[in-house]
Amino acid sequence: MTIREEQEQREYKILSPFAAFSNQSKGRDIFEEQCDIRPVYQRDRDRILHCKSFRRLKQKTQVFLSPEGDHYRTRLTHTLEVSQNARTIAKALMLNEDLTEAIALGHDLGHTPFGHAGERALDRVCPGGFQHHVQSVRVVEILEKNGEGLNLTKEVRDGILNHKTSGKPMTLEGDIVRFCDKIAYVNSDIDDAVRAGIITEDDIPDSYKEILGYTLKERLNTLIHDIITNSRDKRQIHMSEQTKEAFSALRDYMFKNVYLNPHAKSEEARAENMLEKLFEYYLGHPDEMPEEYIRLMERSEEEPSRIVGDFIAGMTDRYAITTFENLMIPKKWMG
């Protein structure tokens, strides 16, 4: 018996009967020999962690565009916070931590530069629109490894695709990530908004804080404990009604006062315009894209605009700005 098989058998002794067991995975689209050490979800987790798209998350906006300061969240730190919270819940509920972590680490791989501003820009110009959860699946299925994709299991891809609020993942592990994505971004965005002077903790209505807590630590503690308490030995991940209503109200508060705040979002129109200009440029000059995208365009039956959208979506904030300056801003004449 291999080490992997020993680990798979150990899952049946430890995990809840509602867990996604590694040796019951629906598998990969392309057959591969099993690893002799790692079960399939651990292997997926490792593939995501080592891929280029994951590394680029460190230079992608979470909420605030190009903030001055080292302590604001990026798309990478958000991803790590989602992963940690999700693993805490999965472990307490005796569910599959490897699957949970793989989904969490991969859920935002397809996010654009400049956060949701970039997503709006590409949604306007890409054929068929653009949604980051769909693009995240496209990244792991098609774009990574020079067009070969990561060949992840169906359960991981399903969790990535269904991490949005309206999603319905096939596993409880995927549902945990769906909850933890919102928990992470609402609470960390409060912390960043306070740091930026957009709001203060005192601005948050007491009716929410009385239920959820008065600090970031207290709110995370309340939400994670609430999910664990209300989901134990059940086939569904739950929040209590009181906590769910308070958290939903807090999220609405953040949309009104931070996510749609003109001061916090003053640069987003420029960012959107920049990405649209880059899209137009590369649509007219596809041969100037990196070689991997040129090859993908040559062998793909999709519209060239789809591949250009892939290239733009994969850019970091810094790379997009530098590329735009090189292409669009006149240089000084050094005659």
C-alpha atoms as a PDB file:
ATOM      1  CA  MET A   1       0.000   0.000   0.000  1.00  0.00           C
ATOM      2  CA  THR A   2       1.386   3.418  -0.956  1.00  0.00           C
ATOM      3  CA  ILE A   3       1.580   6.406   1.371  1.00  0.00           C
ATOM      4  CA  ARG A   4      -1.221   8.004  -0.639  1.00  0.00           C
ATOM      5  CA  GLU A   5      -3.463   4.989  -0.140  1.00  0.00           C
ATOM      6  CA  GLU A   6      -2.717   4.997   3.586  1.00  0.00           C
ATOM      7  CA  GLN A   7      -3.771   8.648   3.748  1.00  0.00           C
ATOM      8  CA  GLU A   8      -6.937   7.920   1.775  1.00  0.00           C
ATOM      9  CA  GLN A   9      -7.887   5.136   4.197  1.00  0.00           C
ATOM     10  CA  ARG A  10      -7.114   7.390   7.163  1.00  0.00           C
ATOM     11  CA  GLU A  11      -9.708   9.872   5.871  1.00  0.00           C
ATOM     12  CA  TYR A  12     -12.450   7.293   6.459  1.00  0.00           C
ATOM     13  CA  LYS A  13     -11.389   6.967  10.102  1.00  0.00           C
ATOM     14  CA  ILE A  14     -11.135  10.692  10.764  1.00  0.00           C
ATOM     15  CA  LEU A  15     -13.436  12.681   8.501  1.00  0.00           C
ATOM     16  CA  SER A  16     -17.174  13.250   8.697  1.00  0.00           C
ATOM     17  CA  PRO A  17     -19.334  11.018   6.498  1.00  0.00           C
ATOM     18  CA  PHE A  18     -20.331  14.250   4.722  1.00  0.00           C
ATOM     19  CA  ALA A  19     -16.742  15.002   3.662  1.00  0.00           C
ATOM     20  CA  ALA A  20     -15.441  14.705   0.103  1.00  0.00           C
ATOM     21  CA  PHE A  21     -13.146  11.675   0.290  1.00  0.00           C
ATOM     22  CA  SER A  22     -10.072  11.831  -1.895  1.00  0.00           C
ATOM     23  CA  ASN A  23     -10.466   8.384  -3.435  1.00  0.00           C
ATOM     24  CA  GLN A  24     -14.066   9.167  -4.398  1.00  0.00           C
ATOM     25  CA  SER A  25     -13.158  12.183  -6.550  1.00  0.00           C
ATOM     26  CA  LYS A  26     -14.858  12.438  -9.932  1.00  0.00           C
ATOM     27  CA  GLY A  27     -11.347  12.783 -11.284  1.00  0.00           C
ATOM     28  CA  ARG A  28      -9.568  14.850 -13.910  1.00  0.00           C
ATOM     29  CA  ASP A  29     -10.502  15.526 -17.530  1.00  0.00           C
ATOM     30  CA  ILE A  30      -7.194  14.011 -18.655  1.00  0.00           C
ATOM     31  CA  PHE A  31      -6.162  10.735 -17.037  1.00  0.00           C
ATOM     32  CA  GLU A  32      -2.991  10.785 -14.937  1.00  0.00           C
ATOM     33  CA  GLU A  33      -1.283   8.153 -12.862  1.00  0.00           C
ATOM     34  CA  GLN A  34      -1.857   8.780  -9.166  1.00  0.00           C
ATOM     35  CA  CYS A  35       0.935  10.220  -7.028  1.00  0.00           C
ATOM     36  CA  ASP A  36       2.336   7.638  -4.632  1.00  0.00           C
ATOM     37  CA  ILE A  37       2.455  10.168  -1.762  1.00  0.00           C
ATOM     38  CA  ARG A  38      -0.274  12.799  -2.229  1.00  0.00           C
ATOM     39  CA  PRO A  39      -4.048  12.295  -2.526  1.00  0.00           C
ATOM     40  CA  VAL A  40      -5.658  14.105  -5.462  1.00  0.00           C
ATOM     41  CA  TYR A  41      -6.807  17.249  -3.626  1.00  0.00           C
ATOM     42  CA  GLN A  42      -3.427  17.792  -2.007  1.00  0.00           C
ATOM     43  CA  ARG A  43      -1.874  17.455  -5.444  1.00  0.00           C
ATOM     44  CA  ASP A  44      -4.298  20.077  -6.813  1.00  0.00           C
ATOM     45  CA  ARG A  45      -3.473  22.400  -3.961  1.00  0.00           C
ATOM     46  CA  ASP A  46       0.242  22.113  -4.759  1.00  0.00           C
ATOM     47  CA  ARG A  47      -0.335  22.773  -8.471  1.00  0.00           C
ATOM     48  CA  ILE A  48      -2.244  25.964  -7.719  1.00  0.00           C
ATOM     49  CA  LEU A  49       0.332  27.182  -5.215  1.00  0.00           C
ATOM     50  CA  HIS A  50       3.158  26.785  -7.739  1.00  0.00           C
ATOM     51  CA  CYS A  51       1.416  28.254 -10.793  1.00  0.00           C
ATOM     52  CA  LYS A  52       2.230  31.663 -12.284  1.00  0.00           C
ATOM     53  CA  SER A  53      -1.299  33.015 -11.866  1.00  0.00           C
ATOM     54  CA  PHE A  54      -1.086  32.500  -8.122  1.00  0.00           C
ATOM     55  CA  ARG A  55       2.180  34.439  -7.874  1.00  0.00           C
ATOM     56  CA  ARG A  56       0.694  37.341  -9.831  1.00  0.00           C
ATOM     57  CA  LEU A  57      -2.015  37.827  -7.188  1.00  0.00           C
ATOM     58  CA  LYS A  58       0.485  39.699  -5.008  1.00  0.00           C
ATOM     59  CA  GLN A  59       0.404  42.603  -7.494  1.00  0.00           C
ATOM     60  CA  LYS A  60      -3.361  42.752  -8.010  1.00  0.00           C
ATOM     61  CA  THR A  61      -5.773  45.145  -6.311  1.00  0.00           C
ATOM     62  CA  GLN A  62      -8.146  43.878  -3.655  1.00  0.00           C
ATOM     63  CA  VAL A  63     -10.187  47.080  -3.036  1.00  0.00           C
ATOM     64  CA  PHE A  64      -7.932  50.140  -3.079  1.00  0.00           C
ATOM     65  CA  LEU A  65      -6.032  50.869  -6.300  1.00  0.00           C
ATOM     66  CA  SER A  66      -2.257  51.264  -5.826  1.00  0.00           C
ATOM     67  CA  PRO A  67      -2.556  52.243  -2.143  1.00  0.00           C
ATOM     68  CA  GLU A  68       0.284  54.124  -0.465  1.00  0.00           C
ATOM     69  CA  GLY A  69       1.263  51.816   2.375  1.00  0.00           C
ATOM     70  CA  ASP A  70       2.522  48.304   2.914  1.00  0.00           C
ATOM     71  CA  HIS A  71      -0.340  46.966   5.004  1.00  0.00           C
ATOM     72  CA  TYR A  72      -3.286  47.125   2.615  1.00  0.00           C
ATOM     73  CA  ARG A  73      -4.603  43.810   1.346  1.00  0.00           C
ATOM     74  CA  THR A  74      -3.803  42.549  -2.112  1.00  0.00           C
ATOM     75  CA  ARG A  75      -5.592  39.812  -4.021  1.00  0.00           C
ATOM     76  CA  LEU A  76      -2.947  37.402  -2.662  1.00  0.00           C
ATOM     77  CA  THR A  77      -3.356  38.293   1.003  1.00  0.00           C
ATOM     78  CA  HIS A  78      -7.134  38.091   0.567  1.00  0.00           C
ATOM     79  CA  THR A  79      -6.720  34.600  -0.906  1.00  0.00           C
ATOM     80  CA  LEU A  80      -4.572  33.501   2.038  1.00  0.00           C
ATOM     81  CA  GLU A  81      -7.116  34.872   4.526  1.00  0.00           C
ATOM     82  CA  VAL A  82      -9.911  32.985   2.771  1.00  0.00           C
ATOM     83  CA  SER A  83      -7.803  29.827   2.864  1.00  0.00           C
ATOM     84  CA  GLN A  84      -6.976  30.105   6.558  1.00  0.00           C
ATOM     85  CA  ASN A  85     -10.562  30.785   7.649  1.00  0.00           C
ATOM     86  CA  ALA A  86     -11.875  28.008   5.413  1.00  0.00           C
ATOM     87  CA  ARG A  87      -9.358  25.471   6.716  1.00  0.00           C
ATOM     88  CA  THR A  88     -10.274  26.352  10.304  1.00  0.00           C
ATOM     89  CA  ILE A  89     -13.928  25.622   9.617  1.00  0.00           C
ATOM     90  CA  ALA A  90     -13.225  22.495   7.560  1.00  0.00           C
ATOM     91  CA  LYS A  91     -11.011  21.058  10.280  1.00  0.00           C
ATOM     92  CA  ALA A  92     -13.580  21.731  13.001  1.00  0.00           C
ATOM     93  CA  LEU A  93     -16.305  20.085  10.911  1.00  0.00           C
ATOM     94  CA  MET A  94     -14.038  17.110  10.060  1.00  0.00           C
ATOM     95  CA  LEU A  95     -14.232  17.851   6.337  1.00  0.00           C
ATOM     96  CA  ASN A  96     -11.472  17.575   3.730  1.00  0.00           C
ATOM     97  CA  GLU A  97      -8.907  20.304   4.404  1.00  0.00           C
ATOM     98  CA  ASP A  98      -6.904  19.613   1.237  1.00  0.00           C
ATOM     99  CA  LEU A  99      -9.944  20.131  -0.987  1.00  0.00           C
ATOM    100  CA  THR A 100     -10.989  23.214   0.971  1.00  0.00           C
ATOM    101  CA  GLU A 101      -7.542  24.769   0.676  1.00  0.00           C
ATOM    102  CA  ALA A 102      -7.216  23.979  -3.030  1.00  0.00           C
ATOM    103  CA  ILE A 103     -10.520  25.699  -3.795  1.00  0.00           C
ATOM    104  CA  ALA A 104      -9.646  28.692  -1.613  1.00  0.00           C
ATOM    105  CA  LEU A 105      -6.195  29.184  -3.145  1.00  0.00           C
ATOM    106  CA  GLY A 106      -7.612  28.964  -6.665  1.00  0.00           C
ATOM    107  CA  HIS A 107     -10.830  30.923  -6.328  1.00  0.00           C
ATOM    108  CA  ASP A 108      -9.467  34.294  -7.549  1.00  0.00           C
ATOM    109  CA  LEU A 109      -6.797  33.171 -10.043  1.00  0.00           C
ATOM    110  CA  GLY A 110      -8.770  34.726 -12.894  1.00  0.00           C
ATOM    111  CA  HIS A 111      -9.245  38.118 -11.287  1.00  0.00           C
ATOM    112  CA  THR A 112      -8.262  41.140 -13.327  1.00  0.00           C
ATOM    113  CA  PRO A 113      -5.846  43.922 -12.436  1.00  0.00           C
ATOM    114  CA  PHE A 114      -7.509  46.762 -10.503  1.00  0.00           C
ATOM    115  CA  GLY A 115     -10.092  44.521  -8.851  1.00  0.00           C
ATOM    116  CA  HIS A 116     -13.718  44.803  -9.870  1.00  0.00           C
ATOM    117  CA  ALA A 117     -12.986  47.928 -11.902  1.00  0.00           C
ATOM    118  CA  GLY A 118     -10.901  45.774 -14.230  1.00  0.00           C
ATOM    119  CA  GLU A 119     -13.615  43.151 -14.273  1.00  0.00           C
ATOM    120  CA  ARG A 120     -16.179  45.754 -15.379  1.00  0.00           C
ATOM    121  CA  ALA A 121     -13.893  46.978 -18.155  1.00  0.00           C
ATOM    122  CA  LEU A 122     -13.309  43.494 -19.581  1.00  0.00           C
ATOM    123  CA  ASP A 123     -16.971  42.629 -19.200  1.00  0.00           C
ATOM    124  CA  ARG A 124     -17.743  45.461 -21.622  1.00  0.00           C
ATOM    125  CA  VAL A 125     -15.206  44.518 -24.279  1.00  0.00           C
ATOM    126  CA  CYS A 126     -14.827  40.726 -24.147  1.00  0.00           C
ATOM    127  CA  PRO A 127     -17.138  38.622 -26.322  1.00  0.00           C
ATOM    128  CA  GLY A 128     -19.725  37.031 -24.065  1.00  0.00           C
ATOM    129  CA  GLY A 129     -18.732  39.280 -21.170  1.00  0.00           C
ATOM    130  CA  PHE A 130     -16.275  38.619 -18.364  1.00  0.00           C
ATOM    131  CA  GLN A 131     -16.741  37.177 -14.865  1.00  0.00           C
ATOM    132  CA  HIS A 132     -13.751  36.468 -12.677  1.00  0.00           C
ATOM    133  CA  HIS A 133     -15.062  33.191 -11.243  1.00  0.00           C
ATOM    134  CA  VAL A 134     -15.513  31.831 -14.772  1.00  0.00           C
ATOM    135  CA  GLN A 135     -12.074  33.152 -15.759  1.00  0.00           C
ATOM    136  CA  SER A 136     -10.514  31.433 -12.735  1.00  0.00           C
ATOM    137  CA  VAL A 137     -11.702  28.095 -14.098  1.00  0.00           C
ATOM    138  CA  ARG A 138     -10.434  29.043 -17.558  1.00  0.00           C
ATOM    139  CA  VAL A 139      -7.019  29.766 -16.035  1.00  0.00           C
ATOM    140  CA  VAL A 140      -6.694  26.307 -14.486  1.00  0.00           C
ATOM    141  CA  GLU A 141      -8.251  24.458 -17.430  1.00  0.00           C
ATOM    142  CA  ILE A 142      -6.640  26.247 -20.384  1.00  0.00           C
ATOM    143  CA  LEU A 143      -4.232  29.095 -19.685  1.00  0.00           C
ATOM    144  CA  GLU A 144      -1.738  27.768 -17.147  1.00  0.00           C
ATOM    145  CA  LYS A 145       1.340  25.744 -18.141  1.00  0.00           C
ATOM    146  CA  ASN A 146       1.568  27.422 -21.562  1.00  0.00           C
ATOM    147  CA  GLY A 147      -1.918  26.408 -22.609  1.00  0.00           C
ATOM    148  CA  GLU A 148      -1.957  22.919 -21.124  1.00  0.00           C
ATOM    149  CA  GLY A 149      -3.885  23.829 -17.966  1.00  0.00           C
ATOM    150  CA  LEU A 150      -3.399  22.315 -14.510  1.00  0.00           C
ATOM    151  CA  ASN A 151      -5.772  19.376 -15.072  1.00  0.00           C
ATOM    152  CA  LEU A 152      -7.399  19.766 -11.642  1.00  0.00           C
ATOM    153  CA  THR A 153     -10.095  17.514 -10.249  1.00  0.00           C
ATOM    154  CA  LYS A 154     -13.732  18.261 -10.948  1.00  0.00           C
ATOM    155  CA  GLU A 155     -14.449  19.070  -7.278  1.00  0.00           C
ATOM    156  CA  VAL A 156     -11.776  21.776  -7.122  1.00  0.00           C
ATOM    157  CA  ARG A 157     -12.906  23.368 -10.390  1.00  0.00           C
ATOM    158  CA  ASP A 158     -16.529  23.242  -9.252  1.00  0.00           C
ATOM    159  CA  GLY A 159     -15.651  24.992  -5.982  1.00  0.00           C
ATOM    160  CA  ILE A 160     -13.731  27.710  -7.822  1.00  0.00           C
ATOM    161  CA  LEU A 161     -16.599  28.275 -10.251  1.00  0.00           C
ATOM    162  CA  ASN A 162     -19.223  28.413  -7.491  1.00  0.00           C
ATOM    163  CA  HIS A 163     -17.478  30.596  -4.917  1.00  0.00           C
ATOM    164  CA  LYS A 164     -19.684  33.608  -5.646  1.00  0.00           C
ATOM    165  CA  THR A 165     -22.648  34.360  -3.370  1.00  0.00           C
ATOM    166  CA  SER A 166     -25.219  32.722  -5.664  1.00  0.00           C
ATOM    167  CA  GLY A 167     -23.058  29.660  -6.320  1.00  0.00           C
ATOM    168  CA  LYS A 168     -24.054  26.126  -5.351  1.00  0.00           C
ATOM    169  CA  PRO A 169     -20.916  24.001  -4.948  1.00  0.00           C
ATOM    170  CA  MET A 170     -21.212  20.221  -5.148  1.00  0.00           C
ATOM    171  CA  THR A 171     -19.209  19.747  -1.920  1.00  0.00           C
ATOM    172  CA  LEU A 172     -19.458  21.131   1.611  1.00  0.00           C
ATOM    173  CA  GLU A 173     -15.809  22.114   1.266  1.00  0.00           C
ATOM    174  CA  GLY A 174     -16.728  24.343  -1.680  1.00  0.00           C
ATOM    175  CA  ASP A 175     -19.560  25.868   0.314  1.00  0.00           C
ATOM    176  CA  ILE A 176     -17.180  26.714   3.148  1.00  0.00           C
ATOM    177  CA  VAL A 177     -15.003  28.675   0.718  1.00  0.00           C
ATOM    178  CA  ARG A 178     -18.102  30.452  -0.625  1.00  0.00           C
ATOM    179  CA  PHE A 179     -18.884  31.704   2.899  1.00  0.00           C
ATOM    180  CA  CYS A 180     -15.275  32.462   3.784  1.00  0.00           C
ATOM    181  CA  ASP A 181     -14.708  34.589   0.686  1.00  0.00           C
ATOM    182  CA  LYS A 182     -17.363  37.035   1.902  1.00  0.00           C
ATOM    183  CA  ILE A 183     -16.228  36.816   5.517  1.00  0.00           C
ATOM    184  CA  ALA A 184     -12.653  37.633   4.523  1.00  0.00           C
ATOM    185  CA  TYR A 185     -13.327  40.503   2.145  1.00  0.00           C
ATOM    186  CA  VAL A 186     -15.948  42.280   4.262  1.00  0.00           C
ATOM    187  CA  ASN A 187     -13.870  42.207   7.435  1.00  0.00           C
ATOM    188  CA  SER A 188     -10.481  42.922   5.876  1.00  0.00           C
ATOM    189  CA  ASP A 189     -12.001  45.677   3.749  1.00  0.00           C
ATOM    190  CA  ILE A 190     -13.319  47.314   6.933  1.00  0.00           C
ATOM    191  CA  ASP A 191      -9.780  47.194   8.310  1.00  0.00           C
ATOM    192  CA  ASP A 192      -8.333  48.709   5.123  1.00  0.00           C
ATOM    193  CA  ALA A 193     -11.084  51.345   4.891  1.00  0.00           C
ATOM    194  CA  VAL A 194     -10.394  52.439   8.467  1.00  0.00           C
ATOM    195  CA  ARG A 195      -6.662  52.598   7.691  1.00  0.00           C
ATOM    196  CA  ALA A 196      -7.426  54.723   4.621  1.00  0.00           C
ATOM    197  CA  GLY A 197      -9.663  57.101   6.569  1.00  0.00           C
ATOM    198  CA  ILE A 198     -12.755  56.219   4.532  1.00  0.00           C
ATOM    199  CA  ILE A 199     -14.696  55.127   7.623  1.00  0.00           C
ATOM    200  CA  THR A 200     -14.026  54.627  11.331  1.00  0.00           C
ATOM    201  CA  GLU A 201     -15.042  51.738  13.559  1.00  0.00           C
ATOM    202  CA  ASP A 202     -17.449  54.161  15.257  1.00  0.00           C
ATOM    203  CA  ASP A 203     -19.247  54.679  11.934  1.00  0.00           C
ATOM    204  CA  ILE A 204     -20.367  51.053  11.808  1.00  0.00           C
ATOM    205  CA  PRO A 205     -23.886  50.803  13.283  1.00  0.00           C
ATOM    206  CA  ASP A 206     -23.988  49.420  16.825  1.00  0.00           C
ATOM    207  CA  SER A 207     -26.788  47.042  15.863  1.00  0.00           C
ATOM    208  CA  TYR A 208     -24.306  45.093  13.707  1.00  0.00           C
ATOM    209  CA  LYS A 209     -21.446  45.272  16.198  1.00  0.00           C
ATOM    210  CA  GLU A 210     -23.577  44.080  19.090  1.00  0.00           C
ATOM    211  CA  ILE A 211     -24.131  40.807  17.246  1.00  0.00           C
ATOM    212  CA  LEU A 212     -20.906  40.382  15.285  1.00  0.00           C
ATOM    213  CA  GLY A 213     -18.331  42.103  17.458  1.00  0.00           C
ATOM    214  CA  TYR A 214     -16.577  45.429  17.853  1.00  0.00           C
ATOM    215  CA  THR A 215     -13.212  44.560  16.289  1.00  0.00           C
ATOM    216  CA  LEU A 216     -11.897  42.602  13.315  1.00  0.00           C
ATOM    217  CA  LYS A 217     -10.815  39.793  15.642  1.00  0.00           C
ATOM    218  CA  GLU A 218     -14.193  39.629  17.378  1.00  0.00           C
ATOM    219  CA  ARG A 219     -16.137  39.605  14.093  1.00  0.00           C
ATOM    220  CA  LEU A 220     -14.042  36.823  12.583  1.00  0.00           C
ATOM    221  CA  ASN A 221     -14.354  34.837  15.812  1.00  0.00           C
ATOM    222  CA  THR A 222     -18.141  35.266  15.852  1.00  0.00           C
ATOM    223  CA  LEU A 223     -18.674  34.356  12.195  1.00  0.00           C
ATOM    224  CA  ILE A 224     -16.393  31.319  12.186  1.00  0.00           C
ATOM    225  CA  HIS A 225     -17.794  29.968  15.449  1.00  0.00           C
ATOM    226  CA  ASP A 226     -21.343  30.545  14.224  1.00  0.00           C
ATOM    227  CA  ILE A 227     -20.797  28.548  11.028  1.00  0.00           C
ATOM    228  CA  ILE A 228     -19.137  25.695  12.908  1.00  0.00           C
ATOM    229  CA  THR A 229     -21.843  25.557  15.579  1.00  0.00           C
ATOM    230  CA  ASN A 230     -24.689  25.582  13.054  1.00  0.00           C
ATOM    231  CA  SER A 231     -23.116  23.202  10.540  1.00  0.00           C
ATOM    232  CA  ARG A 232     -21.878  20.321  12.692  1.00  0.00           C
ATOM    233  CA  ASP A 233     -23.164  16.918  11.601  1.00  0.00           C
ATOM    234  CA  LYS A 234     -25.221  18.467   8.793  1.00  0.00           C
ATOM    235  CA  ARG A 235     -25.171  18.142   5.021  1.00  0.00           C
ATOM    236  CA  GLN A 236     -25.160  21.896   4.554  1.00  0.00           C
ATOM    237  CA  ILE A 237     -23.068  24.846   5.734  1.00  0.00           C
ATOM    238  CA  HIS A 238     -25.203  27.235   7.777  1.00  0.00           C
ATOM    239  CA  MET A 239     -25.152  30.511   9.671  1.00  0.00           C
ATOM    240  CA  SER A 240     -27.717  31.275  12.361  1.00  0.00           C
ATOM    241  CA  GLU A 241     -30.442  33.632  11.163  1.00  0.00           C
ATOM    242  CA  GLN A 242     -29.399  36.410  13.542  1.00  0.00           C
ATOM    243  CA  THR A 243     -25.754  36.298  12.477  1.00  0.00           C
ATOM    244  CA  LYS A 244     -26.644  35.906   8.816  1.00  0.00           C
ATOM    245  CA  GLU A 245     -28.901  38.980   8.897  1.00  0.00           C
ATOM    246  CA  ALA A 246     -26.334  41.099  10.750  1.00  0.00           C
ATOM    247  CA  PHE A 247     -23.534  40.059   8.401  1.00  0.00           C
ATOM    248  CA  SER A 248     -25.688  40.745   5.331  1.00  0.00           C
ATOM    249  CA  ALA A 249     -26.496  44.196   6.699  1.00  0.00           C
ATOM    250  CA  LEU A 250     -22.806  44.855   7.362  1.00  0.00           C
ATOM    251  CA  ARG A 251     -21.976  43.815   3.805  1.00  0.00           C
ATOM    252  CA  ASP A 252     -24.659  46.212   2.492  1.00  0.00           C
ATOM    253  CA  TYR A 253     -23.142  48.947   4.657  1.00  0.00           C
ATOM    254  CA  MET A 254     -19.745  48.323   3.065  1.00  0.00           C
ATOM    255  CA  PHE A 255     -21.177  48.536  -0.452  1.00  0.00           C
ATOM    256  CA  LYS A 256     -22.814  51.852   0.306  1.00  0.00           C
ATOM    257  CA  ASN A 257     -19.982  53.462   2.253  1.00  0.00           C
ATOM    258  CA  VAL A 258     -16.801  51.896   0.852  1.00  0.00           C
ATOM    259  CA  TYR A 259     -17.210  49.890  -2.356  1.00  0.00           C
ATOM    260  CA  LEU A 260     -19.282  52.630  -3.981  1.00  0.00           C
ATOM    261  CA  ASN A 261     -17.655  55.544  -2.132  1.00  0.00           C
ATOM    262  CA  PRO A 262     -16.493  58.189  -4.672  1.00  0.00           C
ATOM    263  CA  HIS A 263     -13.385  58.993  -2.592  1.00  0.00           C
ATOM    264  CA  ALA A 264     -12.307  55.355  -2.362  1.00  0.00           C
ATOM    265  CA  LYS A 265     -13.070  54.729  -6.022  1.00  0.00           C
ATOM    266  CA  SER A 266     -11.854  58.007  -7.534  1.00  0.00           C
ATOM    267  CA  GLU A 267      -9.275  56.348  -9.794  1.00  0.00           C
ATOM    268  CA  GLU A 268     -11.386  53.432 -11.021  1.00  0.00           C
ATOM    269  CA  ALA A 269     -12.688  55.171 -14.154  1.00  0.00           C
ATOM    270  CA  ARG A 270      -9.098  55.808 -15.255  1.00  0.00           C
ATOM    271  CA  ALA A 271      -8.165  52.193 -14.583  1.00  0.00           C
ATOM    272  CA  GLU A 272     -11.125  50.954 -16.614  1.00  0.00           C
ATOM    273  CA  ASN A 273     -10.268  53.271 -19.495  1.00  0.00           C
ATOM    274  CA  MET A 274      -6.649  52.105 -19.423  1.00  0.00           C
ATOM    275  CA  LEU A 275      -7.599  48.423 -19.677  1.00  0.00           C
ATOM    276  CA  GLU A 276     -10.047  49.133 -22.501  1.00  0.00           C
ATOM    277  CA  LYS A 277      -7.306  50.969 -24.391  1.00  0.00           C
ATOM    278  CA  LEU A 278      -4.894  48.079 -23.849  1.00  0.00           C
ATOM    279  CA  PHE A 279      -7.540  45.649 -25.084  1.00  0.00           C
ATOM    280  CA  GLU A 280      -8.088  47.704 -28.229  1.00  0.00           C
ATOM    281  CA  TYR A 281      -4.347  47.949 -28.859  1.00  0.00           C
ATOM    282  CA  TYR A 282      -3.613  44.234 -28.561  1.00  0.00           C
ATOM    283  CA  LEU A 283      -6.670  43.320 -30.570  1.00  0.00           C
ATOM    284  CA  GLY A 284      -5.068  45.300 -33.399  1.00  0.00           C
ATOM    285  CA  HIS A 285      -1.522  44.077 -32.625  1.00  0.00           C
ATOM    286  CA  PRO A 286      -1.907  40.486 -31.343  1.00  0.00           C
ATOM    287  CA  ASP A 287       1.636  39.638 -32.471  1.00  0.00           C
ATOM    288  CA  GLU A 288       2.941  41.887 -29.676  1.00  0.00           C
ATOM    289  CA  MET A 289       1.465  39.713 -26.933  1.00  0.00           C
ATOM    290  CA  PRO A 290       3.704  37.168 -25.150  1.00  0.00           C
ATOM    291  CA  GLU A 291       4.473  34.020 -27.115  1.00  0.00           C
ATOM    292  CA  GLU A 292       2.209  31.779 -25.031  1.00  0.00           C
ATOM    293  CA  TYR A 293      -0.856  33.853 -25.975  1.00  0.00           C
ATOM    294  CA  ILE A 294       0.153  33.998 -29.632  1.00  0.00           C
ATOM    295  CA  ARG A 295       0.412  30.195 -29.697  1.00  0.00           C
ATOM    296  CA  LEU A 296      -2.938  29.879 -27.956  1.00  0.00           C
ATOM    297  CA  MET A 297      -4.525  32.189 -30.515  1.00  0.00           C
ATOM    298  CA  GLU A 298      -3.042  30.197 -33.398  1.00  0.00           C
ATOM    299  CA  ARG A 299      -4.396  26.850 -32.238  1.00  0.00           C
ATOM    300  CA  SER A 300      -7.662  28.038 -30.694  1.00  0.00           C
ATOM    301  CA  GLU A 301     -10.976  28.195 -32.518  1.00  0.00           C
ATOM    302  CA  GLU A 302     -12.080  31.056 -30.262  1.00  0.00           C
ATOM    303  CA  GLU A 303     -12.275  34.666 -31.334  1.00  0.00           C
ATOM    304  CA  PRO A 304      -8.938  36.527 -31.037  1.00  0.00           C
ATOM    305  CA  SER A 305     -10.651  38.964 -28.686  1.00  0.00           C
ATOM    306  CA  ARG A 306     -11.126  36.119 -26.191  1.00  0.00           C
ATOM    307  CA  ILE A 307      -7.366  35.486 -26.048  1.00  0.00           C
ATOM    308  CA  VAL A 308      -6.623  39.204 -25.804  1.00  0.00           C
ATOM    309  CA  GLY A 309      -9.017  39.292 -22.850  1.00  0.00           C
ATOM    310  CA  ASP A 310      -7.068  36.435 -21.265  1.00  0.00           C
ATOM    311  CA  PHE A 311      -3.840  38.417 -21.614  1.00  0.00           C
ATOM    312  CA  ILE A 312      -5.294  41.597 -20.144  1.00  0.00           C
ATOM    313  CA  ALA A 313      -6.965  39.716 -17.271  1.00  0.00           C
ATOM    314  CA  GLY A 314      -3.666  38.072 -16.375  1.00  0.00           C
ATOM    315  CA  MET A 315      -1.806  41.364 -16.026  1.00  0.00           C
ATOM    316  CA  THR A 316      -0.832  42.709 -12.624  1.00  0.00           C
ATOM    317  CA  ASP A 317      -1.647  46.318 -11.753  1.00  0.00           C
ATOM    318  CA  ARG A 318       1.985  47.326 -12.146  1.00  0.00           C
ATOM    319  CA  TYR A 319       2.466  45.522 -15.463  1.00  0.00           C
ATOM    320  CA  ALA A 320      -0.717  47.065 -16.892  1.00  0.00           C
ATOM    321  CA  ILE A 321       0.395  50.573 -15.934  1.00  0.00           C
ATOM    322  CA  THR A 322       3.918  50.092 -17.268  1.00  0.00           C
ATOM    323  CA  THR A 323       2.651  48.579 -20.518  1.00  0.00           C
ATOM    324  CA  PHE A 324       0.150  51.382 -21.007  1.00  0.00           C
ATOM    325  CA  GLU A 325       2.855  54.011 -20.443  1.00  0.00           C
ATOM    326  CA  ASN A 326       5.189  52.319 -22.918  1.00  0.00           C
ATOM    327  CA  LEU A 327       2.502  52.038 -25.592  1.00  0.00           C
ATOM    328  CA  MET A 328       0.467  55.190 -25.124  1.00  0.00           C
ATOM    329  CA  ILE A 329       2.578  57.890 -23.467  1.00  0.00           C
ATOM    330  CA  PRO A 330       4.940  59.884 -25.729  1.00  0.00           C
ATOM    331  CA  LYS A 331       8.624  59.570 -24.890  1.00  0.00           C
ATOM    332  CA  LYS A 332      10.955  62.514 -24.567  1.00  0.00           C
ATOM    333  CA  TRP A 333      12.959  63.158 -27.735  1.00  0.00           C
ATOM    334  CA  MET A 334      16.612  62.644 -26.953  1.00  0.00           C
ATOM    335  CA  GLY A 335      18.060  64.091 -30.192  1.00  0.00           C
END
